[in-house]
PDB file of N, CA and C in Angstrom:
ATOM      1  N   UNK A   1     140.876  24.505  78.582  1.00  0.00           N
ATOM      2  CA  UNK A   1     141.067  25.725  77.931  1.00  0.00           C
ATOM      3  C   UNK A   1     140.848  26.859  78.886  1.00  0.00           C
ATOM      4  N   UNK A   2     141.791  27.650  78.947  1.00  0.00           N
ATOM      5  CA  UNK A   2     141.694  28.781  79.852  1.00  0.00           C
ATOM      6  C   UNK A   2     141.310  30.002  79.057  1.00  0.00           C
ATOM      7  N   UNK A   3     140.386  30.676  79.576  1.00  0.00           N
ATOM      8  CA  UNK A   3     139.935  31.865  78.853  1.00  0.00           C
ATOM      9  C   UNK A   3     140.468  33.080  79.572  1.00  0.00           C
ATOM     10  N   UNK A   4     141.500  33.584  79.091  1.00  0.00           N
ATOM     11  CA  UNK A   4     142.106  34.782  79.651  1.00  0.00           C
ATOM     12  C   UNK A   4     141.711  35.959  78.810  1.00  0.00           C
ATOM     13  N   UNK A   5     141.396  36.993  79.491  1.00  0.00           N
ATOM     14  CA  UNK A   5     140.959  38.212  78.799  1.00  0.00           C
ATOM     15  C   UNK A   5     142.117  39.180  78.830  1.00  0.00           C
ATOM     16  N   UNK A   6     142.433  39.707  77.698  1.00  0.00           N
ATOM     17  CA  UNK A   6     143.563  40.609  77.630  1.00  0.00           C
ATOM     18  C   UNK A   6     143.190  42.052  77.934  1.00  0.00           C
ATOM     19  N   UNK A   7     141.920  42.397  77.965  1.00  0.00           N
ATOM     20  CA  UNK A   7     141.532  43.789  78.247  1.00  0.00           C
ATOM     21  C   UNK A   7     141.457  43.997  79.751  1.00  0.00           C
ATOM     22  N   UNK A   8     141.999  45.125  80.182  1.00  0.00           N
ATOM     23  CA  UNK A   8     141.946  45.376  81.628  1.00  0.00           C
ATOM     24  C   UNK A   8     140.507  45.673  82.070  1.00  0.00           C
ATOM     25  N   UNK A   9     140.289  45.417  83.308  1.00  0.00           N
ATOM     26  CA  UNK A   9     138.958  45.678  83.881  1.00  0.00           C
ATOM     27  C   UNK A   9     138.801  47.181  84.107  1.00  0.00           C
ATOM     28  N   UNK A  10     137.728  47.677  83.650  1.00  0.00           N
ATOM     29  CA  UNK A  10     137.433  49.101  83.886  1.00  0.00           C
ATOM     30  C   UNK A  10     136.100  49.201  84.603  1.00  0.00           C
ATOM     31  N   UNK A  11     135.999  50.255  85.270  1.00  0.00           N
ATOM     32  CA  UNK A  11     134.762  50.486  86.024  1.00  0.00           C
ATOM     33  C   UNK A  11     133.716  51.048  85.081  1.00  0.00           C
ATOM     34  N   UNK A  12     132.640  50.373  84.992  1.00  0.00           N
ATOM     35  CA  UNK A  12     131.553  50.807  84.124  1.00  0.00           C
ATOM     36  C   UNK A  12     130.569  51.586  84.986  1.00  0.00           C
ATOM     37  N   UNK A  13     130.258  52.851  84.584  1.00  0.00           N
ATOM     38  CA  UNK A  13     129.309  53.608  85.406  1.00  0.00           C
ATOM     39  C   UNK A  13     127.946  52.937  85.364  1.00  0.00           C
ATOM     40  N   UNK A  14     127.407  52.825  86.534  1.00  0.00           N
ATOM     41  CA  UNK A  14     126.093  52.209  86.644  1.00  0.00           C
ATOM     42  C   UNK A  14     125.058  53.319  86.514  1.00  0.00           C
ATOM     43  N   UNK A  15     124.233  53.188  85.554  1.00  0.00           N
ATOM     44  CA  UNK A  15     123.189  54.201  85.354  1.00  0.00           C
ATOM     45  C   UNK A  15     122.100  53.992  86.391  1.00  0.00           C
ATOM     46  N   UNK A  16     121.626  55.092  86.915  1.00  0.00           N
ATOM     47  CA  UNK A  16     120.530  54.998  87.876  1.00  0.00           C
ATOM     48  C   UNK A  16     119.269  54.620  87.136  1.00  0.00           C
ATOM     49  N   UNK A  17     118.435  53.952  87.813  1.00  0.00           N
ATOM     50  CA  UNK A  17     117.160  53.632  87.174  1.00  0.00           C
ATOM     51  C   UNK A  17     116.438  54.923  86.816  1.00  0.00           C
ATOM     52  N   UNK A  18     115.692  54.931  85.742  1.00  0.00           N
ATOM     53  CA  UNK A  18     115.024  56.161  85.307  1.00  0.00           C
ATOM     54  C   UNK A  18     114.144  56.779  86.380  1.00  0.00           C
ATOM     55  N   UNK A  19     113.518  55.998  87.176  1.00  0.00           N
ATOM     56  CA  UNK A  19     112.630  56.558  88.194  1.00  0.00           C
ATOM     57  C   UNK A  19     113.404  57.337  89.248  1.00  0.00           C
ATOM     58  N   UNK A  20     114.597  56.884  89.604  1.00  0.00           N
ATOM     59  CA  UNK A  20     115.384  57.561  90.629  1.00  0.00           C
ATOM     60  C   UNK A  20     115.958  58.875  90.106  1.00  0.00           C
ATOM     61  N   UNK A  21     116.501  58.890  88.904  1.00  0.00           N
ATOM     62  CA  UNK A  21     117.065  60.137  88.377  1.00  0.00           C
ATOM     63  C   UNK A  21     115.952  61.149  88.107  1.00  0.00           C
ATOM     64  N   UNK A  22     114.832  60.688  87.653  1.00  0.00           N
ATOM     65  CA  UNK A  22     113.691  61.591  87.444  1.00  0.00           C
ATOM     66  C   UNK A  22     113.179  62.146  88.759  1.00  0.00           C
ATOM     67  N   UNK A  23     113.231  61.325  89.796  1.00  0.00           N
ATOM     68  CA  UNK A  23     112.772  61.782  91.108  1.00  0.00           C
ATOM     69  C   UNK A  23     113.683  62.881  91.642  1.00  0.00           C
ATOM     70  N   UNK A  24     115.009  62.720  91.436  1.00  0.00           N
ATOM     71  CA  UNK A  24     115.943  63.749  91.909  1.00  0.00           C
ATOM     72  C   UNK A  24     115.733  65.066  91.151  1.00  0.00           C
ATOM     73  N   UNK A  25     115.544  64.973  89.848  1.00  0.00           N
ATOM     74  CA  UNK A  25     115.288  66.179  89.069  1.00  0.00           C
ATOM     75  C   UNK A  25     113.973  66.823  89.497  1.00  0.00           C
ATOM     76  N   UNK A  26     112.982  65.993  89.735  1.00  0.00           N
ATOM     77  CA  UNK A  26     111.695  66.505  90.199  1.00  0.00           C
ATOM     78  C   UNK A  26     111.811  67.182  91.555  1.00  0.00           C
ATOM     79  N   UNK A  27     112.613  66.563  92.436  1.00  0.00           N
ATOM     80  CA  UNK A  27     112.825  67.142  93.767  1.00  0.00           C
ATOM     81  C   UNK A  27     113.493  68.503  93.647  1.00  0.00           C
ATOM     82  N   UNK A  28     114.505  68.590  92.800  1.00  0.00           N
ATOM     83  CA  UNK A  28     115.199  69.865  92.613  1.00  0.00           C
ATOM     84  C   UNK A  28     114.256  70.927  92.042  1.00  0.00           C
ATOM     85  N   UNK A  29     113.427  70.515  91.094  1.00  0.00           N
ATOM     86  CA  UNK A  29     112.482  71.460  90.495  1.00  0.00           C
ATOM     87  C   UNK A  29     111.477  71.944  91.539  1.00  0.00           C
ATOM     88  N   UNK A  30     111.001  71.041  92.383  1.00  0.00           N
ATOM     89  CA  UNK A  30     110.046  71.424  93.432  1.00  0.00           C
ATOM     90  C   UNK A  30     110.720  72.346  94.449  1.00  0.00           C
ATOM     91  N   UNK A  31     111.969  72.050  94.806  1.00  0.00           N
ATOM     92  CA  UNK A  31     112.696  72.914  95.753  1.00  0.00           C
ATOM     93  C   UNK A  31     112.902  74.309  95.170  1.00  0.00           C
ATOM     94  N   UNK A  32     113.223  74.369  93.879  1.00  0.00           N
ATOM     95  CA  UNK A  32     113.401  75.678  93.228  1.00  0.00           C
ATOM     96  C   UNK A  32     112.077  76.440  93.208  1.00  0.00           C
ATOM     97  N   UNK A  33     111.002  75.756  92.917  1.00  0.00           N
ATOM     98  CA  UNK A  33     109.679  76.394  92.922  1.00  0.00           C
ATOM     99  C   UNK A  33     109.310  76.853  94.323  1.00  0.00           C
ATOM    100  N   UNK A  34     109.646  76.053  95.319  1.00  0.00           N
ATOM    101  CA  UNK A  34     109.381  76.429  96.711  1.00  0.00           C
ATOM    102  C   UNK A  34     110.162  77.682  97.095  1.00  0.00           C
ATOM    103  N   UNK A  35     111.410  77.762  96.686  1.00  0.00           N
ATOM    104  CA  UNK A  35     112.216  78.964  96.962  1.00  0.00           C
ATOM    105  C   UNK A  35     111.601  80.191  96.293  1.00  0.00           C
ATOM    106  N   UNK A  36     111.147  80.012  95.058  1.00  0.00           N
ATOM    107  CA  UNK A  36     110.499  81.125  94.346  1.00  0.00           C
ATOM    108  C   UNK A  36     109.240  81.562  95.068  1.00  0.00           C
ATOM    109  N   UNK A  37     108.439  80.597  95.497  1.00  0.00           N
ATOM    110  CA  UNK A  37     107.193  80.922  96.214  1.00  0.00           C
ATOM    111  C   UNK A  37     107.486  81.615  97.538  1.00  0.00           C
ATOM    112  N   UNK A  38     108.516  81.174  98.224  1.00  0.00           N
ATOM    113  CA  UNK A  38     108.881  81.813  99.495  1.00  0.00           C
ATOM    114  C   UNK A  38     109.307  83.263  99.274  1.00  0.00           C
ATOM    115  N   UNK A  39     110.056  83.500  98.227  1.00  0.00           N
ATOM    116  CA  UNK A  39     110.486  84.871  97.914  1.00  0.00           C
ATOM    117  C   UNK A  39     109.277  85.739  97.585  1.00  0.00           C
ATOM    118  N   UNK A  40     108.345  85.188  96.805  1.00  0.00           N
ATOM    119  CA  UNK A  40     107.124  85.935  96.488  1.00  0.00           C
ATOM    120  C   UNK A  40     106.306  86.202  97.745  1.00  0.00           C
ATOM    121  N   UNK A  41     106.238  85.221  98.623  1.00  0.00           N
ATOM    122  CA  UNK A  41     105.501  85.383  99.877  1.00  0.00           C
ATOM    123  C   UNK A  41     106.107  86.500 100.721  1.00  0.00           C
ATOM    124  N   UNK A  42     107.438  86.536 100.806  1.00  0.00           N
ATOM    125  CA  UNK A  42     108.090  87.614 101.571  1.00  0.00           C
ATOM    126  C   UNK A  42     107.781  88.982 100.963  1.00  0.00           C
ATOM    127  N   UNK A  43     107.758  89.048  99.641  1.00  0.00           N
ATOM    128  CA  UNK A  43     107.452  90.320  98.980  1.00  0.00           C
ATOM    129  C   UNK A  43     106.011  90.744  99.258  1.00  0.00           C
ATOM    130  N   UNK A  44     105.090  89.791  99.213  1.00  0.00           N
ATOM    131  CA  UNK A  44     103.684  90.108  99.484  1.00  0.00           C
ATOM    132  C   UNK A  44     103.507  90.503 100.943  1.00  0.00           C
ATOM    133  N   UNK A  45     104.196  89.833 101.845  1.00  0.00           N
ATOM    134  CA  UNK A  45     104.115  90.197 103.262  1.00  0.00           C
ATOM    135  C   UNK A  45     104.623  91.622 103.486  1.00  0.00           C
ATOM    136  N   UNK A  46     105.700  91.985 102.810  1.00  0.00           N
ATOM    137  CA  UNK A  46     106.240  93.345 102.935  1.00  0.00           C
ATOM    138  C   UNK A  46     105.240  94.368 102.401  1.00  0.00           C
ATOM    139  N   UNK A  47     104.594  94.041 101.278  1.00  0.00           N
ATOM    140  CA  UNK A  47     103.573  94.949 100.733  1.00  0.00           C
ATOM    141  C   UNK A  47     102.398  95.075 101.697  1.00  0.00           C
ATOM    142  N   UNK A  48     101.990  93.959 102.281  1.00  0.00           N
ATOM    143  CA  UNK A  48     100.882  93.984 103.238  1.00  0.00           C
ATOM    144  C   UNK A  48     101.226  94.859 104.432  1.00  0.00           C
ATOM    145  N   UNK A  49     102.434  94.742 104.933  1.00  0.00           N
ATOM    146  CA  UNK A  49     102.867  95.572 106.051  1.00  0.00           C
ATOM    147  C   UNK A  49     102.820  97.051 105.684  1.00  0.00           C
ATOM    148  N   UNK A  50     103.270  97.388 104.479  1.00  0.00           N
ATOM    149  CA  UNK A  50     103.220  98.783 104.026  1.00  0.00           C
ATOM    150  C   UNK A  50     101.775  99.277 103.946  1.00  0.00           C
ATOM    151  N   UNK A  51     100.892  98.443 103.433  1.00  0.00           N
ATOM    152  CA  UNK A  51      99.484  98.830 103.301  1.00  0.00           C
ATOM    153  C   UNK A  51      98.864  99.030 104.683  1.00  0.00           C
ATOM    154  N   UNK A  52      99.173  98.153 105.619  1.00  0.00           N
ATOM    155  CA  UNK A  52      98.622  98.294 106.963  1.00  0.00           C
ATOM    156  C   UNK A  52      99.146  99.553 107.656  1.00  0.00           C
ATOM    157  N   UNK A  53     100.416  99.859 107.448  1.00  0.00           N
ATOM    158  CA  UNK A  53     100.974 101.086 108.025  1.00  0.00           C
ATOM    159  C   UNK A  53     100.299 102.313 107.414  1.00  0.00           C
ATOM    160  N   UNK A  54     100.061 102.286 106.107  1.00  0.00           N
ATOM    161  CA  UNK A  54      99.372 103.395 105.438  1.00  0.00           C
ATOM    162  C   UNK A  54      97.933 103.523 105.940  1.00  0.00           C
ATOM    163  N   UNK A  55      97.269 102.386 106.134  1.00  0.00           N
ATOM    164  CA  UNK A  55      95.897 102.409 106.649  1.00  0.00           C
ATOM    165  C   UNK A  55      95.870 103.025 108.046  1.00  0.00           C
ATOM    166  N   UNK A  56      96.814 102.655 108.878  1.00  0.00           N
ATOM    167  CA  UNK A  56      96.880 103.219 110.226  1.00  0.00           C
ATOM    168  C   UNK A  56      97.104 104.728 110.162  1.00  0.00           C
ATOM    169  N   UNK A  57      98.025 105.161 109.296  1.00  0.00           N
ATOM    170  CA  UNK A  57      98.301 106.593 109.166  1.00  0.00           C
ATOM    171  C   UNK A  57      97.049 107.336 108.698  1.00  0.00           C
ATOM    172  N   UNK A  58      96.366 106.784 107.703  1.00  0.00           N
ATOM    173  CA  UNK A  58      95.149 107.427 107.197  1.00  0.00           C
ATOM    174  C   UNK A  58      94.047 107.432 108.261  1.00  0.00           C
ATOM    175  N   UNK A  59      93.928 106.356 109.024  1.00  0.00           N
ATOM    176  CA  UNK A  59      92.917 106.298 110.085  1.00  0.00           C
ATOM    177  C   UNK A  59      93.182 107.397 111.113  1.00  0.00           C
ATOM    178  N   UNK A  60      94.445 107.611 111.452  1.00  0.00           N
ATOM    179  CA  UNK A  60      94.790 108.664 112.406  1.00  0.00           C
ATOM    180  C   UNK A  60      94.439 110.038 111.842  1.00  0.00           C
ATOM    181  N   UNK A  61      94.674 110.226 110.537  1.00  0.00           N
ATOM    182  CA  UNK A  61      94.308 111.495 109.903  1.00  0.00           C
ATOM    183  C   UNK A  61      92.797 111.699 109.931  1.00  0.00           C
ATOM    184  N   UNK A  62      92.045 110.637 109.672  1.00  0.00           N
ATOM    185  CA  UNK A  62      90.580 110.737 109.683  1.00  0.00           C
ATOM    186  C   UNK A  62      90.093 111.074 111.089  1.00  0.00           C
ATOM    187  N   UNK A  63      90.654 110.427 112.095  1.00  0.00           N
ATOM    188  CA  UNK A  63      90.249 110.718 113.470  1.00  0.00           C
ATOM    189  C   UNK A  63      90.548 112.174 113.831  1.00  0.00           C
ATOM    190  N   UNK A  64      91.701 112.661 113.430  1.00  0.00           N
ATOM    191  CA  UNK A  64      92.042 114.067 113.698  1.00  0.00           C
ATOM    192  C   UNK A  64      91.074 114.985 112.963  1.00  0.00           C
ATOM    193  N   UNK A  65      90.738 114.620 111.721  1.00  0.00           N
ATOM    194  CA  UNK A  65      89.774 115.423 110.954  1.00  0.00           C
ATOM    195  C   UNK A  65      88.406 115.406 111.643  1.00  0.00           C
ATOM    196  N   UNK A  66      87.971 114.244 112.125  1.00  0.00           N
ATOM    197  CA  UNK A  66      86.687 114.159 112.836  1.00  0.00           C
ATOM    198  C   UNK A  66      86.678 115.084 114.047  1.00  0.00           C
ATOM    199  N   UNK A  67      87.764 115.036 114.821  1.00  0.00           N
ATOM    200  CA  UNK A  67      87.845 115.881 116.016  1.00  0.00           C
ATOM    201  C   UNK A  67      87.806 117.364 115.633  1.00  0.00           C
ATOM    202  N   UNK A  68      88.534 117.738 114.598  1.00  0.00           N
ATOM    203  CA  UNK A  68      88.530 119.132 114.142  1.00  0.00           C
ATOM    204  C   UNK A  68      87.131 119.559 113.698  1.00  0.00           C
ATOM    205  N   UNK A  69      86.458 118.700 112.951  1.00  0.00           N
ATOM    206  CA  UNK A  69      85.117 119.033 112.468  1.00  0.00           C
ATOM    207  C   UNK A  69      84.127 119.146 113.630  1.00  0.00           C
ATOM    208  N   UNK A  70      84.236 118.253 114.602  1.00  0.00           N
ATOM    209  CA  UNK A  70      83.360 118.335 115.771  1.00  0.00           C
ATOM    210  C   UNK A  70      83.589 119.645 116.525  1.00  0.00           C
ATOM    211  N   UNK A  71      84.856 120.008 116.694  1.00  0.00           N
ATOM    212  CA  UNK A  71      85.179 121.256 117.390  1.00  0.00           C
ATOM    213  C   UNK A  71      84.635 122.454 116.604  1.00  0.00           C
ATOM    214  N   UNK A  72      84.806 122.439 115.296  1.00  0.00           N
ATOM    215  CA  UNK A  72      84.336 123.534 114.457  1.00  0.00           C
ATOM    216  C   UNK A  72      82.811 123.660 114.513  1.00  0.00           C
ATOM    217  N   UNK A  73      82.116 122.550 114.382  1.00  0.00           N
ATOM    218  CA  UNK A  73      80.643 122.580 114.426  1.00  0.00           C
ATOM    219  C   UNK A  73      80.175 123.036 115.801  1.00  0.00           C
ATOM    220  N   UNK A  74      80.817 122.541 116.847  1.00  0.00           N
ATOM    221  CA  UNK A  74      80.439 122.938 118.207  1.00  0.00           C
ATOM    222  C   UNK A  74      80.614 124.450 118.387  1.00  0.00           C
ATOM    223  N   UNK A  75      81.734 124.989 117.911  1.00  0.00           N
ATOM    224  CA  UNK A  75      81.976 126.430 118.022  1.00  0.00           C
ATOM    225  C   UNK A  75      80.941 127.220 117.226  1.00  0.00           C
ATOM    226  N   UNK A  76      80.608 126.741 116.030  1.00  0.00           N
ATOM    227  CA  UNK A  76      79.618 127.449 115.211  1.00  0.00           C
ATOM    228  C   UNK A  76      78.234 127.411 115.843  1.00  0.00           C
ATOM    229  N   UNK A  77      77.859 126.275 116.404  1.00  0.00           N
ATOM    230  CA  UNK A  77      76.548 126.169 117.062  1.00  0.00           C
ATOM    231  C   UNK A  77      76.500 127.075 118.272  1.00  0.00           C
ATOM    232  N   UNK A  78      77.536 127.062 119.072  1.00  0.00           N
ATOM    233  CA  UNK A  78      77.562 127.921 120.263  1.00  0.00           C
ATOM    234  C   UNK A  78      77.541 129.396 119.861  1.00  0.00           C
ATOM    235  N   UNK A  79      78.272 129.753 118.830  1.00  0.00           N
ATOM    236  CA  UNK A  79      78.283 131.129 118.349  1.00  0.00           C
ATOM    237  C   UNK A  79      76.898 131.540 117.855  1.00  0.00           C
ATOM    238  N   UNK A  80      76.247 130.659 117.114  1.00  0.00           N
ATOM    239  CA  UNK A  80      74.896 130.946 116.620  1.00  0.00           C
ATOM    240  C   UNK A  80      73.915 131.098 117.776  1.00  0.00           C
ATOM    241  N   UNK A  81      74.012 130.231 118.765  1.00  0.00           N
ATOM    242  CA  UNK A  81      73.119 130.325 119.916  1.00  0.00           C
ATOM    243  C   UNK A  81      73.346 131.631 120.680  1.00  0.00           C
ATOM    244  N   UNK A  82      74.593 132.035 120.817  1.00  0.00           N
ATOM    245  CA  UNK A  82      74.887 133.300 121.491  1.00  0.00           C
ATOM    246  C   UNK A  82      74.314 134.473 120.711  1.00  0.00           C
ATOM    247  N   UNK A  83      74.448 134.465 119.371  1.00  0.00           N
ATOM    248  CA  UNK A  83      73.878 135.538 118.559  1.00  0.00           C
ATOM    249  C   UNK A  83      72.360 135.583 118.694  1.00  0.00           C
ATOM    250  N   UNK A  84      71.752 134.409 118.655  1.00  0.00           N
ATOM    251  CA  UNK A  84      70.288 134.369 118.763  1.00  0.00           C
ATOM    252  C   UNK A  84      69.825 134.872 120.123  1.00  0.00           C
ATOM    253  N   UNK A  85      70.518 134.486 121.176  1.00  0.00           N
ATOM    254  CA  UNK A  85      70.104 134.938 122.506  1.00  0.00           C
ATOM    255  C   UNK A  85      70.380 136.433 122.685  1.00  0.00           C
ATOM    256  N   UNK A  86      71.404 136.956 122.037  1.00  0.00           N
ATOM    257  CA  UNK A  86      71.727 138.377 122.113  1.00  0.00           C
ATOM    258  C   UNK A  86      70.709 139.195 121.307  1.00  0.00           C
ATOM    259  N   UNK A  87      70.276 138.661 120.165  1.00  0.00           N
ATOM    260  CA  UNK A  87      69.330 139.378 119.312  1.00  0.00           C
ATOM    261  C   UNK A  87      67.922 139.404 119.889  1.00  0.00           C
ATOM    262  N   UNK A  88      67.566 138.402 120.631  1.00  0.00           N
ATOM    263  CA  UNK A  88      66.218 138.339 121.208  1.00  0.00           C
ATOM    264  C   UNK A  88      66.335 138.183 122.715  1.00  0.00           C
ATOM    265  N   UNK A  89      66.610 139.280 123.432  1.00  0.00           N
ATOM    266  CA  UNK A  89      66.840 139.169 124.879  1.00  0.00           C
ATOM    267  C   UNK A  89      65.592 138.745 125.656  1.00  0.00           C
ATOM    268  N   UNK A  90      64.393 139.093 125.207  1.00  0.00           N
ATOM    269  CA  UNK A  90      63.199 138.740 125.966  1.00  0.00           C
ATOM    270  C   UNK A  90      62.585 137.430 125.546  1.00  0.00           C
ATOM    271  N   UNK A  91      63.137 136.811 124.523  1.00  0.00           N
ATOM    272  CA  UNK A  91      62.547 135.576 124.022  1.00  0.00           C
ATOM    273  C   UNK A  91      62.871 134.414 124.950  1.00  0.00           C
ATOM    274  N   UNK A  92      61.892 133.530 125.130  1.00  0.00           N
ATOM    275  CA  UNK A  92      62.162 132.354 125.975  1.00  0.00           C
ATOM    276  C   UNK A  92      63.212 131.454 125.309  1.00  0.00           C
ATOM    277  N   UNK A  93      64.031 130.882 126.147  1.00  0.00           N
ATOM    278  CA  UNK A  93      65.126 130.059 125.656  1.00  0.00           C
ATOM    279  C   UNK A  93      64.918 128.630 126.145  1.00  0.00           C
ATOM    280  N   UNK A  94      65.020 127.698 125.236  1.00  0.00           N
ATOM    281  CA  UNK A  94      64.914 126.286 125.592  1.00  0.00           C
ATOM    282  C   UNK A  94      66.226 125.874 126.249  1.00  0.00           C
ATOM    283  N   UNK A  95      66.176 125.384 127.503  1.00  0.00           N
ATOM    284  CA  UNK A  95      67.425 125.039 128.201  1.00  0.00           C
ATOM    285  C   UNK A  95      68.260 123.994 127.458  1.00  0.00           C
ATOM    286  N   UNK A  96      67.626 123.145 126.683  1.00  0.00           N
ATOM    287  CA  UNK A  96      68.369 122.120 125.961  1.00  0.00           C
ATOM    288  C   UNK A  96      69.165 122.662 124.803  1.00  0.00           C
ATOM    289  N   UNK A  97      68.815 123.869 124.322  1.00  0.00           N
ATOM    290  CA  UNK A  97      69.534 124.417 123.169  1.00  0.00           C
ATOM    291  C   UNK A  97      70.431 125.592 123.528  1.00  0.00           C
ATOM    292  N   UNK A  98      70.446 125.997 124.775  1.00  0.00           N
ATOM    293  CA  UNK A  98      71.259 127.144 125.152  1.00  0.00           C
ATOM    294  C   UNK A  98      72.736 126.825 124.990  1.00  0.00           C
ATOM    295  N   UNK A  99      73.132 125.709 125.477  1.00  0.00           N
ATOM    296  CA  UNK A  99      74.551 125.348 125.383  1.00  0.00           C
ATOM    297  C   UNK A  99      74.650 123.886 124.985  1.00  0.00           C
ATOM    298  N   UNK A 100      75.372 123.644 123.949  1.00  0.00           N
ATOM    299  CA  UNK A 100      75.593 122.282 123.497  1.00  0.00           C
ATOM    300  C   UNK A 100      76.979 121.875 123.959  1.00  0.00           C
ATOM    301  N   UNK A 101      77.055 120.839 124.768  1.00  0.00           N
ATOM    302  CA  UNK A 101      78.350 120.417 125.304  1.00  0.00           C
ATOM    303  C   UNK A 101      79.229 119.803 124.226  1.00  0.00           C
ATOM    304  N   UNK A 102      78.632 119.026 123.344  1.00  0.00           N
ATOM    305  CA  UNK A 102      79.389 118.450 122.241  1.00  0.00           C
ATOM    306  C   UNK A 102      78.420 117.932 121.195  1.00  0.00           C
ATOM    307  N   UNK A 103      78.906 117.925 120.001  1.00  0.00           N
ATOM    308  CA  UNK A 103      78.134 117.390 118.888  1.00  0.00           C
ATOM    309  C   UNK A 103      79.039 116.400 118.181  1.00  0.00           C
ATOM    310  N   UNK A 104      78.514 115.242 117.923  1.00  0.00           N
ATOM    311  CA  UNK A 104      79.324 114.226 117.252  1.00  0.00           C
ATOM    312  C   UNK A 104      78.649 113.849 115.943  1.00  0.00           C
ATOM    313  N   UNK A 105      79.410 113.948 114.871  1.00  0.00           N
ATOM    314  CA  UNK A 105      78.943 113.531 113.558  1.00  0.00           C
ATOM    315  C   UNK A 105      79.825 112.370 113.104  1.00  0.00           C
ATOM    316  N   UNK A 106      79.416 111.158 113.436  1.00  0.00           N
ATOM    317  CA  UNK A 106      80.269 110.029 113.025  1.00  0.00           C
ATOM    318  C   UNK A 106      80.288 109.897 111.514  1.00  0.00           C
ATOM    319  N   UNK A 107      81.423 109.480 111.014  1.00  0.00           N
ATOM    320  CA  UNK A 107      81.572 109.321 109.573  1.00  0.00           C
ATOM    321  C   UNK A 107      80.659 108.235 109.037  1.00  0.00           C
ATOM    322  N   UNK A 108      80.153 107.399 109.907  1.00  0.00           N
ATOM    323  CA  UNK A 108      79.303 106.318 109.430  1.00  0.00           C
ATOM    324  C   UNK A 108      78.013 106.848 108.808  1.00  0.00           C
ATOM    325  N   UNK A 109      77.675 108.111 109.056  1.00  0.00           N
ATOM    326  CA  UNK A 109      76.500 108.688 108.399  1.00  0.00           C
ATOM    327  C   UNK A 109      76.735 108.817 106.898  1.00  0.00           C
ATOM    328  N   UNK A 110      77.997 109.087 106.506  1.00  0.00           N
ATOM    329  CA  UNK A 110      78.316 109.309 105.093  1.00  0.00           C
ATOM    330  C   UNK A 110      78.976 108.093 104.457  1.00  0.00           C
ATOM    331  N   UNK A 111      79.538 107.291 105.269  1.00  0.00           N
ATOM    332  CA  UNK A 111      80.229 106.111 104.745  1.00  0.00           C
ATOM    333  C   UNK A 111      80.927 105.396 105.881  1.00  0.00           C
ATOM    334  N   UNK A 112      81.171 104.162 105.712  1.00  0.00           N
ATOM    335  CA  UNK A 112      81.783 103.363 106.763  1.00  0.00           C
ATOM    336  C   UNK A 112      83.295 103.498 106.697  1.00  0.00           C
ATOM    337  N   UNK A 113      83.901 104.110 107.698  1.00  0.00           N
ATOM    338  CA  UNK A 113      85.355 104.293 107.736  1.00  0.00           C
ATOM    339  C   UNK A 113      86.018 103.310 108.686  1.00  0.00           C
ATOM    340  N   UNK A 114      85.283 102.768 109.589  1.00  0.00           N
ATOM    341  CA  UNK A 114      85.906 101.903 110.608  1.00  0.00           C
ATOM    342  C   UNK A 114      85.646 100.473 110.308  1.00  0.00           C
TER     343      UNK A 114
END
């Protein structure tokens, strides 16, 4: 007896084992999450760069302000010393207070800026 089949042969799709198809979906999900994290990282890096540039700009402003304040205080001290020496011509003068070469008031006295 010959068993002949009258239906033509068709290609039956072979289903992937569940572990393999789940692994591919998992891989895609992890890659998508990685892309999202990379984009967030780039955004945070850009924000950090902006903050550092702002900090540098503010530090330069503070340094300029310190220099201006030192110059102003030095001028006021010298002016006061000149007035005092002019008002009391016969009074003895302490050589250490006659002329102040510079006065420095670091901001660290009021708060830590550096």
